[in-house]
Amino acid sequence: MRNFKLLILIILFFNNKIYSVTHPITSSNFAFAPSAISIISGDILSFTNSSGSHSVQWLTGPVGFILPATSAALGPVAITYTLTIEGTYTYQCGVHGESMLGTITVTTALPIKLYSFMVEPDHKGTKLKWVTASETDVDHFELERSNEVLKFNEIARIAVFGNS
């Protein structure tokens, strides 16, 4: 049987609880309500139509966002999208065009912005190096390892440099 290297994880501890929220967007009376919304990455947008004939047609998104090829017709059953790339998205009604626009701003809920992360072999095993661009409300990093997939043990607690 082969020896497997230890699985190493970095777990961030912070005060914010991360979970997805569903944001309803309704089309009626030639408008989206709300027509402008800010959400957290991973939140769910739920588009429905309460009157008339409307659809969602994506116009722009941040780099990495692939625009859907066609507009989706809206009805009483929700059409959902989960946006995970930070940036501003614009959409319009595919039937009524620019007279019926909406914008969505997506931000991240993570308390750090990771600048770099490296794993290097070391004479003692493996060395981890990471640099954060910013840390907000982070107390410490907790380094854990496991020989199994489900059970982890803390091997180090690394202080952060504070909110930066």
N, C-alpha and C. Protein backbone atom coordinates (compact mmCIF):
# COMPACT_ATOMS: atom_id res chain seq x y z
N MET A 1 0.85 -1.18 0.00
CA MET A 1 0.00 0.00 0.00
C MET A 1 0.89 1.24 0.00
N ARG A 2 0.52 2.25 -0.78
CA ARG A 2 1.32 3.46 -0.89
C ARG A 2 1.03 4.42 0.25
N ASN A 3 2.02 5.19 0.63
CA ASN A 3 1.84 6.25 1.62
C ASN A 3 1.32 7.50 0.91
N PHE A 4 0.32 8.11 1.47
CA PHE A 4 -0.20 9.33 0.90
C PHE A 4 0.24 10.51 1.75
N LYS A 5 0.53 11.60 1.09
CA LYS A 5 0.91 12.82 1.82
C LYS A 5 -0.28 13.30 2.62
N LEU A 6 -0.01 14.02 3.67
CA LEU A 6 -1.06 14.57 4.52
C LEU A 6 -1.81 15.65 3.78
N LEU A 7 -3.10 15.65 3.92
CA LEU A 7 -3.93 16.70 3.36
C LEU A 7 -3.88 17.89 4.31
N ILE A 8 -3.54 19.04 3.80
CA ILE A 8 -3.39 20.23 4.64
C ILE A 8 -4.42 21.26 4.23
N LEU A 9 -5.10 21.80 5.21
CA LEU A 9 -6.12 22.82 4.96
C LEU A 9 -5.85 24.05 5.79
N ILE A 10 -6.19 25.19 5.25
CA ILE A 10 -6.18 26.42 6.02
C ILE A 10 -7.64 26.79 6.24
N ILE A 11 -8.00 27.00 7.47
CA ILE A 11 -9.36 27.39 7.79
C ILE A 11 -9.33 28.78 8.36
N LEU A 12 -10.18 29.64 7.82
CA LEU A 12 -10.24 31.01 8.28
C LEU A 12 -11.33 31.13 9.33
N PHE A 13 -10.99 31.77 10.43
CA PHE A 13 -11.98 32.03 11.45
C PHE A 13 -12.32 33.51 11.43
N PHE A 14 -13.59 33.80 11.37
CA PHE A 14 -14.04 35.18 11.34
C PHE A 14 -15.45 35.26 11.89
N ASN A 15 -15.91 36.47 12.12
CA ASN A 15 -17.20 36.67 12.76
C ASN A 15 -18.39 36.51 11.82
N ASN A 16 -18.17 36.61 10.53
CA ASN A 16 -19.29 36.56 9.59
C ASN A 16 -19.67 35.14 9.26
N LYS A 17 -20.95 34.86 9.20
CA LYS A 17 -21.44 33.56 8.78
C LYS A 17 -21.70 33.63 7.28
N ILE A 18 -21.20 32.67 6.53
CA ILE A 18 -21.37 32.68 5.08
C ILE A 18 -22.49 31.71 4.72
N TYR A 19 -23.46 32.19 4.01
CA TYR A 19 -24.55 31.38 3.51
C TYR A 19 -25.16 32.11 2.33
N SER A 20 -25.90 31.40 1.50
CA SER A 20 -26.50 32.06 0.35
C SER A 20 -27.90 32.56 0.71
N VAL A 21 -28.24 33.66 0.10
CA VAL A 21 -29.54 34.30 0.30
C VAL A 21 -30.22 34.36 -1.07
N THR A 22 -31.52 34.13 -1.11
CA THR A 22 -32.26 34.26 -2.36
C THR A 22 -32.86 35.65 -2.43
N HIS A 23 -32.61 36.33 -3.55
CA HIS A 23 -33.11 37.69 -3.78
C HIS A 23 -34.16 37.64 -4.88
N PRO A 24 -35.43 37.91 -4.56
CA PRO A 24 -36.46 37.90 -5.60
C PRO A 24 -36.40 39.17 -6.45
N ILE A 25 -36.51 39.02 -7.75
CA ILE A 25 -36.64 40.12 -8.69
C ILE A 25 -37.88 39.85 -9.52
N THR A 26 -38.81 40.79 -9.50
CA THR A 26 -40.08 40.62 -10.19
C THR A 26 -40.18 41.58 -11.36
N SER A 27 -40.73 41.11 -12.46
CA SER A 27 -40.98 41.99 -13.59
C SER A 27 -42.49 42.22 -13.70
N SER A 28 -42.85 43.50 -13.80
CA SER A 28 -44.24 43.88 -14.03
C SER A 28 -44.28 45.36 -14.33
N ASN A 29 -45.34 45.82 -14.97
CA ASN A 29 -45.52 47.24 -15.29
C ASN A 29 -44.27 47.83 -15.95
N PHE A 30 -43.66 47.08 -16.85
CA PHE A 30 -42.50 47.53 -17.62
C PHE A 30 -41.30 47.92 -16.76
N ALA A 31 -41.11 47.19 -15.64
CA ALA A 31 -39.96 47.46 -14.77
C ALA A 31 -39.59 46.20 -14.00
N PHE A 32 -38.30 46.10 -13.66
CA PHE A 32 -37.84 45.07 -12.74
C PHE A 32 -37.84 45.67 -11.35
N ALA A 33 -38.27 44.90 -10.36
CA ALA A 33 -38.28 45.40 -8.99
C ALA A 33 -37.58 44.38 -8.10
N PRO A 34 -36.47 44.77 -7.49
CA PRO A 34 -35.78 46.04 -7.63
C PRO A 34 -35.02 46.09 -8.95
N SER A 35 -34.77 47.29 -9.44
CA SER A 35 -34.05 47.43 -10.71
C SER A 35 -32.54 47.49 -10.48
N ALA A 36 -32.12 47.77 -9.27
CA ALA A 36 -30.70 47.75 -8.90
C ALA A 36 -30.58 47.04 -7.57
N ILE A 37 -29.63 46.11 -7.48
CA ILE A 37 -29.49 45.32 -6.27
C ILE A 37 -28.02 44.98 -6.05
N SER A 38 -27.61 44.91 -4.80
CA SER A 38 -26.26 44.47 -4.43
C SER A 38 -26.40 43.15 -3.69
N ILE A 39 -25.58 42.17 -4.09
CA ILE A 39 -25.64 40.85 -3.47
C ILE A 39 -24.23 40.39 -3.14
N ILE A 40 -24.15 39.31 -2.38
CA ILE A 40 -22.88 38.68 -2.03
C ILE A 40 -22.65 37.52 -2.99
N SER A 41 -21.41 37.32 -3.39
CA SER A 41 -21.07 36.21 -4.28
C SER A 41 -21.65 34.90 -3.75
N GLY A 42 -22.33 34.17 -4.63
CA GLY A 42 -22.96 32.90 -4.25
C GLY A 42 -24.43 33.03 -3.91
N ASP A 43 -24.93 34.27 -3.75
CA ASP A 43 -26.36 34.46 -3.52
C ASP A 43 -27.15 34.08 -4.77
N ILE A 44 -28.43 33.82 -4.58
CA ILE A 44 -29.30 33.35 -5.66
C ILE A 44 -30.24 34.47 -6.07
N LEU A 45 -30.35 34.70 -7.38
CA LEU A 45 -31.33 35.65 -7.93
C LEU A 45 -32.49 34.83 -8.43
N SER A 46 -33.69 35.23 -8.06
CA SER A 46 -34.90 34.50 -8.44
C SER A 46 -35.81 35.45 -9.22
N PHE A 47 -35.81 35.30 -10.55
CA PHE A 47 -36.61 36.16 -11.43
C PHE A 47 -37.99 35.55 -11.66
N THR A 48 -39.05 36.34 -11.45
CA THR A 48 -40.41 35.93 -11.77
C THR A 48 -41.13 37.07 -12.46
N ASN A 49 -42.23 36.75 -13.09
CA ASN A 49 -43.04 37.75 -13.80
C ASN A 49 -44.42 37.76 -13.18
N SER A 50 -44.93 38.97 -12.85
CA SER A 50 -46.27 39.05 -12.28
C SER A 50 -47.30 39.58 -13.26
N SER A 51 -46.86 40.22 -14.35
CA SER A 51 -47.82 40.67 -15.36
C SER A 51 -47.10 40.98 -16.66
N GLY A 52 -47.80 40.82 -17.77
CA GLY A 52 -47.24 41.12 -19.08
C GLY A 52 -46.32 40.02 -19.57
N SER A 53 -45.60 40.33 -20.65
CA SER A 53 -44.68 39.39 -21.26
C SER A 53 -43.28 39.96 -21.14
N HIS A 54 -42.44 39.32 -20.31
CA HIS A 54 -41.10 39.82 -20.06
C HIS A 54 -40.10 38.67 -20.08
N SER A 55 -38.84 39.02 -20.23
CA SER A 55 -37.77 38.02 -20.20
C SER A 55 -36.51 38.67 -19.62
N VAL A 56 -35.52 37.85 -19.34
CA VAL A 56 -34.23 38.34 -18.86
C VAL A 56 -33.20 38.09 -19.95
N GLN A 57 -32.53 39.16 -20.36
CA GLN A 57 -31.46 39.07 -21.34
C GLN A 57 -30.23 39.76 -20.74
N TRP A 58 -29.17 39.00 -20.52
CA TRP A 58 -27.95 39.54 -19.91
C TRP A 58 -27.20 40.36 -20.94
N LEU A 59 -26.80 41.58 -20.57
CA LEU A 59 -26.07 42.47 -21.47
C LEU A 59 -24.58 42.46 -21.20
N THR A 60 -24.20 42.67 -19.93
CA THR A 60 -22.78 42.72 -19.58
C THR A 60 -22.55 42.05 -18.24
N GLY A 61 -21.32 41.67 -18.03
CA GLY A 61 -20.90 41.10 -16.76
C GLY A 61 -19.41 41.27 -16.63
N PRO A 62 -18.84 40.98 -15.47
CA PRO A 62 -17.40 41.12 -15.29
C PRO A 62 -16.64 40.09 -16.11
N VAL A 63 -15.32 40.27 -16.20
CA VAL A 63 -14.48 39.31 -16.91
C VAL A 63 -14.69 37.94 -16.31
N GLY A 64 -14.88 36.94 -17.13
CA GLY A 64 -15.09 35.58 -16.67
C GLY A 64 -16.56 35.16 -16.69
N PHE A 65 -17.47 36.15 -16.77
CA PHE A 65 -18.89 35.82 -16.83
C PHE A 65 -19.27 35.54 -18.28
N ILE A 66 -19.86 34.40 -18.52
CA ILE A 66 -20.28 34.03 -19.87
C ILE A 66 -21.75 34.37 -20.00
N LEU A 67 -22.06 35.27 -20.93
CA LEU A 67 -23.45 35.68 -21.14
C LEU A 67 -24.25 34.51 -21.69
N PRO A 68 -25.44 34.24 -21.13
CA PRO A 68 -26.30 33.22 -21.72
C PRO A 68 -26.64 33.60 -23.16
N ALA A 69 -26.73 32.61 -24.04
CA ALA A 69 -26.91 32.85 -25.47
C ALA A 69 -28.27 33.46 -25.81
N THR A 70 -29.31 33.13 -25.06
CA THR A 70 -30.64 33.63 -25.37
C THR A 70 -31.27 34.23 -24.12
N SER A 71 -32.35 34.98 -24.33
CA SER A 71 -33.06 35.50 -23.16
C SER A 71 -34.02 34.43 -22.65
N ALA A 72 -34.25 34.45 -21.35
CA ALA A 72 -35.13 33.47 -20.71
C ALA A 72 -36.48 34.13 -20.44
N ALA A 73 -37.54 33.54 -20.98
CA ALA A 73 -38.90 34.07 -20.78
C ALA A 73 -39.30 33.90 -19.32
N LEU A 74 -39.86 34.95 -18.75
CA LEU A 74 -40.27 34.92 -17.35
C LEU A 74 -41.74 34.57 -17.23
N GLY A 75 -42.07 33.84 -16.21
CA GLY A 75 -43.44 33.46 -15.90
C GLY A 75 -43.60 33.37 -14.41
N PRO A 76 -44.65 32.70 -13.94
CA PRO A 76 -44.88 32.60 -12.50
C PRO A 76 -43.87 31.67 -11.80
N VAL A 77 -43.25 30.77 -12.55
CA VAL A 77 -42.23 29.89 -11.98
C VAL A 77 -40.89 30.61 -12.09
N ALA A 78 -40.15 30.64 -10.99
CA ALA A 78 -38.90 31.40 -10.93
C ALA A 78 -37.81 30.80 -11.80
N ILE A 79 -37.05 31.69 -12.41
CA ILE A 79 -35.80 31.33 -13.08
C ILE A 79 -34.69 31.84 -12.17
N THR A 80 -33.77 30.96 -11.80
CA THR A 80 -32.75 31.36 -10.83
C THR A 80 -31.36 31.38 -11.45
N TYR A 81 -30.55 32.28 -10.94
CA TYR A 81 -29.15 32.40 -11.32
C TYR A 81 -28.35 32.55 -10.03
N THR A 82 -27.17 31.93 -10.00
CA THR A 82 -26.25 32.12 -8.89
C THR A 82 -25.00 32.77 -9.45
N LEU A 83 -24.73 34.00 -9.02
CA LEU A 83 -23.58 34.75 -9.53
C LEU A 83 -22.43 34.64 -8.54
N THR A 84 -21.27 34.22 -9.03
CA THR A 84 -20.13 33.99 -8.15
C THR A 84 -18.92 34.85 -8.49
N ILE A 85 -18.99 35.62 -9.56
CA ILE A 85 -17.87 36.47 -9.96
C ILE A 85 -18.17 37.90 -9.55
N GLU A 86 -17.25 38.53 -8.80
CA GLU A 86 -17.44 39.91 -8.37
C GLU A 86 -17.52 40.85 -9.57
N GLY A 87 -18.37 41.86 -9.46
CA GLY A 87 -18.47 42.86 -10.51
C GLY A 87 -19.89 43.34 -10.68
N THR A 88 -20.11 44.10 -11.75
CA THR A 88 -21.43 44.63 -12.04
C THR A 88 -21.99 43.93 -13.27
N TYR A 89 -23.21 43.49 -13.15
CA TYR A 89 -23.93 42.81 -14.22
C TYR A 89 -25.09 43.71 -14.66
N THR A 90 -25.35 43.76 -15.96
CA THR A 90 -26.53 44.49 -16.44
C THR A 90 -27.38 43.54 -17.27
N TYR A 91 -28.67 43.75 -17.18
CA TYR A 91 -29.61 42.92 -17.93
C TYR A 91 -30.78 43.80 -18.36
N GLN A 92 -31.54 43.30 -19.31
CA GLN A 92 -32.73 44.01 -19.78
C GLN A 92 -33.82 43.01 -20.08
N CYS A 93 -35.00 43.52 -20.30
CA CYS A 93 -36.09 42.66 -20.75
C CYS A 93 -35.84 42.40 -22.23
N GLY A 94 -35.83 41.14 -22.62
CA GLY A 94 -35.62 40.78 -24.02
C GLY A 94 -36.74 41.23 -24.92
N VAL A 95 -37.92 41.52 -24.36
CA VAL A 95 -39.07 41.98 -25.14
C VAL A 95 -39.05 43.50 -25.26
N HIS A 96 -38.77 44.20 -24.18
CA HIS A 96 -38.88 45.66 -24.14
C HIS A 96 -37.54 46.40 -24.25
N GLY A 97 -36.44 45.68 -24.29
CA GLY A 97 -35.13 46.28 -24.51
C GLY A 97 -34.69 47.23 -23.42
N GLU A 98 -33.99 48.28 -23.83
CA GLU A 98 -33.36 49.21 -22.89
C GLU A 98 -34.34 50.03 -22.07
N SER A 99 -35.62 49.99 -22.41
CA SER A 99 -36.59 50.72 -21.59
C SER A 99 -36.86 49.98 -20.27
N MET A 100 -36.33 48.76 -20.15
CA MET A 100 -36.53 47.95 -18.95
C MET A 100 -35.20 47.30 -18.58
N LEU A 101 -34.37 48.05 -17.83
CA LEU A 101 -33.02 47.62 -17.46
C LEU A 101 -32.91 47.28 -15.98
N GLY A 102 -31.89 46.50 -15.66
CA GLY A 102 -31.57 46.20 -14.26
C GLY A 102 -30.07 46.03 -14.09
N THR A 103 -29.58 46.28 -12.88
CA THR A 103 -28.15 46.07 -12.58
C THR A 103 -28.01 45.29 -11.28
N ILE A 104 -26.97 44.50 -11.24
CA ILE A 104 -26.65 43.71 -10.06
C ILE A 104 -25.17 43.92 -9.76
N THR A 105 -24.86 44.28 -8.52
CA THR A 105 -23.48 44.41 -8.09
C THR A 105 -23.17 43.25 -7.15
N VAL A 106 -22.14 42.49 -7.49
CA VAL A 106 -21.76 41.32 -6.71
C VAL A 106 -20.44 41.62 -6.00
N THR A 107 -20.43 41.43 -4.67
CA THR A 107 -19.22 41.57 -3.88
C THR A 107 -18.94 40.25 -3.18
N THR A 108 -17.78 40.14 -2.56
CA THR A 108 -17.43 38.90 -1.88
C THR A 108 -17.72 39.00 -0.39
N ALA A 109 -18.03 37.87 0.21
CA ALA A 109 -18.28 37.82 1.66
C ALA A 109 -17.05 37.36 2.41
N LEU A 110 -16.02 36.95 1.69
CA LEU A 110 -14.85 36.42 2.37
C LEU A 110 -14.10 37.54 3.08
N PRO A 111 -13.59 37.28 4.25
CA PRO A 111 -12.93 38.31 5.03
C PRO A 111 -11.48 38.58 4.61
N ILE A 112 -10.96 37.78 3.68
CA ILE A 112 -9.61 38.03 3.21
C ILE A 112 -9.61 38.07 1.69
N LYS A 113 -8.60 38.74 1.17
CA LYS A 113 -8.31 38.66 -0.26
C LYS A 113 -6.92 38.05 -0.34
N LEU A 114 -6.86 36.88 -0.96
CA LEU A 114 -5.61 36.14 -1.06
C LEU A 114 -4.81 36.66 -2.23
N TYR A 115 -3.56 37.05 -1.96
CA TYR A 115 -2.68 37.57 -3.01
C TYR A 115 -1.91 36.42 -3.65
N SER A 116 -1.36 35.53 -2.82
CA SER A 116 -0.64 34.36 -3.36
C SER A 116 -0.70 33.22 -2.35
N PHE A 117 -0.53 32.01 -2.88
CA PHE A 117 -0.51 30.81 -2.04
C PHE A 117 0.44 29.82 -2.70
N MET A 118 1.45 29.34 -1.96
CA MET A 118 2.43 28.41 -2.51
C MET A 118 2.63 27.22 -1.57
N VAL A 119 2.85 26.07 -2.18
CA VAL A 119 3.20 24.86 -1.44
C VAL A 119 4.55 24.41 -1.98
N GLU A 120 5.54 24.26 -1.07
CA GLU A 120 6.89 23.89 -1.49
C GLU A 120 7.36 22.69 -0.68
N PRO A 121 8.11 21.79 -1.32
CA PRO A 121 8.73 20.71 -0.54
C PRO A 121 9.78 21.30 0.39
N ASP A 122 9.91 20.68 1.54
CA ASP A 122 10.85 21.16 2.56
C ASP A 122 11.57 19.93 3.11
N HIS A 123 12.77 20.11 3.66
CA HIS A 123 13.51 18.96 4.22
C HIS A 123 12.75 18.29 5.37
N LYS A 124 11.80 19.01 5.99
CA LYS A 124 10.99 18.45 7.07
C LYS A 124 9.63 17.96 6.58
N GLY A 125 9.28 18.23 5.34
CA GLY A 125 7.98 17.84 4.81
C GLY A 125 7.50 18.80 3.74
N THR A 126 6.52 19.61 4.08
CA THR A 126 5.94 20.56 3.14
C THR A 126 5.83 21.92 3.80
N LYS A 127 6.16 22.96 3.05
CA LYS A 127 6.09 24.32 3.55
C LYS A 127 4.98 25.06 2.81
N LEU A 128 4.12 25.72 3.58
CA LEU A 128 3.05 26.55 3.00
C LEU A 128 3.43 28.00 3.16
N LYS A 129 3.23 28.78 2.12
CA LYS A 129 3.45 30.22 2.18
C LYS A 129 2.25 30.89 1.54
N TRP A 130 1.70 31.90 2.23
CA TRP A 130 0.63 32.67 1.62
C TRP A 130 0.76 34.13 2.01
N VAL A 131 0.24 34.98 1.13
CA VAL A 131 0.24 36.41 1.35
C VAL A 131 -1.18 36.89 1.11
N THR A 132 -1.69 37.67 2.05
CA THR A 132 -3.02 38.23 1.87
C THR A 132 -2.91 39.69 1.45
N ALA A 133 -3.81 40.11 0.58
CA ALA A 133 -3.87 41.52 0.17
C ALA A 133 -4.61 42.33 1.22
N SER A 134 -5.60 41.70 1.88
CA SER A 134 -6.33 42.37 2.96
C SER A 134 -6.96 41.33 3.87
N GLU A 135 -7.17 41.71 5.12
CA GLU A 135 -7.82 40.86 6.12
C GLU A 135 -8.80 41.75 6.88
N THR A 136 -10.05 41.34 6.96
CA THR A 136 -11.06 42.12 7.66
C THR A 136 -11.74 41.23 8.69
N ASP A 137 -11.66 41.63 9.94
CA ASP A 137 -12.29 40.90 11.05
C ASP A 137 -11.83 39.44 11.12
N VAL A 138 -10.56 39.21 10.85
CA VAL A 138 -9.99 37.86 10.95
C VAL A 138 -9.14 37.82 12.21
N ASP A 139 -9.35 36.81 13.03
CA ASP A 139 -8.60 36.66 14.27
C ASP A 139 -7.30 35.91 14.05
N HIS A 140 -7.38 34.78 13.33
CA HIS A 140 -6.20 33.95 13.10
C HIS A 140 -6.46 32.97 11.97
N PHE A 141 -5.40 32.37 11.51
CA PHE A 141 -5.49 31.25 10.57
C PHE A 141 -5.26 29.99 11.38
N GLU A 142 -6.01 28.97 11.09
CA GLU A 142 -5.82 27.69 11.77
C GLU A 142 -5.40 26.67 10.73
N LEU A 143 -4.24 26.07 10.94
CA LEU A 143 -3.70 25.09 10.03
C LEU A 143 -4.06 23.71 10.57
N GLU A 144 -4.66 22.88 9.72
CA GLU A 144 -5.06 21.54 10.12
C GLU A 144 -4.53 20.53 9.13
N ARG A 145 -4.41 19.29 9.59
CA ARG A 145 -4.01 18.22 8.68
C ARG A 145 -4.81 16.97 9.00
N SER A 146 -4.76 16.04 8.05
CA SER A 146 -5.52 14.82 8.23
C SER A 146 -4.88 13.68 7.46
N ASN A 147 -4.93 12.50 8.04
CA ASN A 147 -4.57 11.29 7.32
C ASN A 147 -5.82 10.68 6.70
N GLU A 148 -6.96 11.17 7.16
CA GLU A 148 -8.26 10.72 6.67
C GLU A 148 -8.92 11.93 6.01
N VAL A 149 -10.00 11.71 5.34
CA VAL A 149 -10.67 12.81 4.67
C VAL A 149 -11.61 13.57 5.61
N LEU A 150 -12.13 12.92 6.63
CA LEU A 150 -13.17 13.53 7.45
C LEU A 150 -12.69 14.05 8.81
N LYS A 151 -11.56 13.61 9.29
CA LYS A 151 -11.10 14.00 10.62
C LYS A 151 -9.81 14.81 10.51
N PHE A 152 -9.85 16.06 11.03
CA PHE A 152 -8.71 16.95 10.95
C PHE A 152 -8.25 17.33 12.35
N ASN A 153 -6.95 17.57 12.49
CA ASN A 153 -6.37 18.00 13.75
C ASN A 153 -5.60 19.29 13.53
N GLU A 154 -5.76 20.23 14.46
CA GLU A 154 -5.03 21.49 14.38
C GLU A 154 -3.56 21.23 14.66
N ILE A 155 -2.70 21.78 13.78
CA ILE A 155 -1.26 21.64 13.99
C ILE A 155 -0.60 23.00 14.23
N ALA A 156 -1.30 24.09 13.90
CA ALA A 156 -0.73 25.42 14.15
C ALA A 156 -1.84 26.45 14.13
N ARG A 157 -1.62 27.51 14.89
CA ARG A 157 -2.51 28.67 14.90
C ARG A 157 -1.63 29.87 14.60
N ILE A 158 -1.92 30.55 13.50
CA ILE A 158 -1.07 31.64 13.03
C ILE A 158 -1.81 32.96 13.18
N ALA A 159 -1.20 33.90 13.89
CA ALA A 159 -1.81 35.21 14.09
C ALA A 159 -1.81 35.99 12.78
N VAL A 160 -2.79 36.86 12.61
CA VAL A 160 -2.83 37.73 11.46
C VAL A 160 -2.22 39.07 11.85
N PHE A 161 -1.91 39.88 10.86
CA PHE A 161 -1.29 41.17 11.12
C PHE A 161 -2.33 42.25 11.42
N GLY A 162 -3.58 41.87 11.45
CA GLY A 162 -4.64 42.83 11.73
C GLY A 162 -5.35 43.28 10.47
N ASN A 163 -6.39 44.09 10.66
CA ASN A 163 -7.13 44.60 9.50
C ASN A 163 -6.19 45.47 8.67
N SER A 164 -6.09 45.11 7.40
CA SER A 164 -5.15 45.85 6.55
C SER A 164 -5.82 46.23 5.24
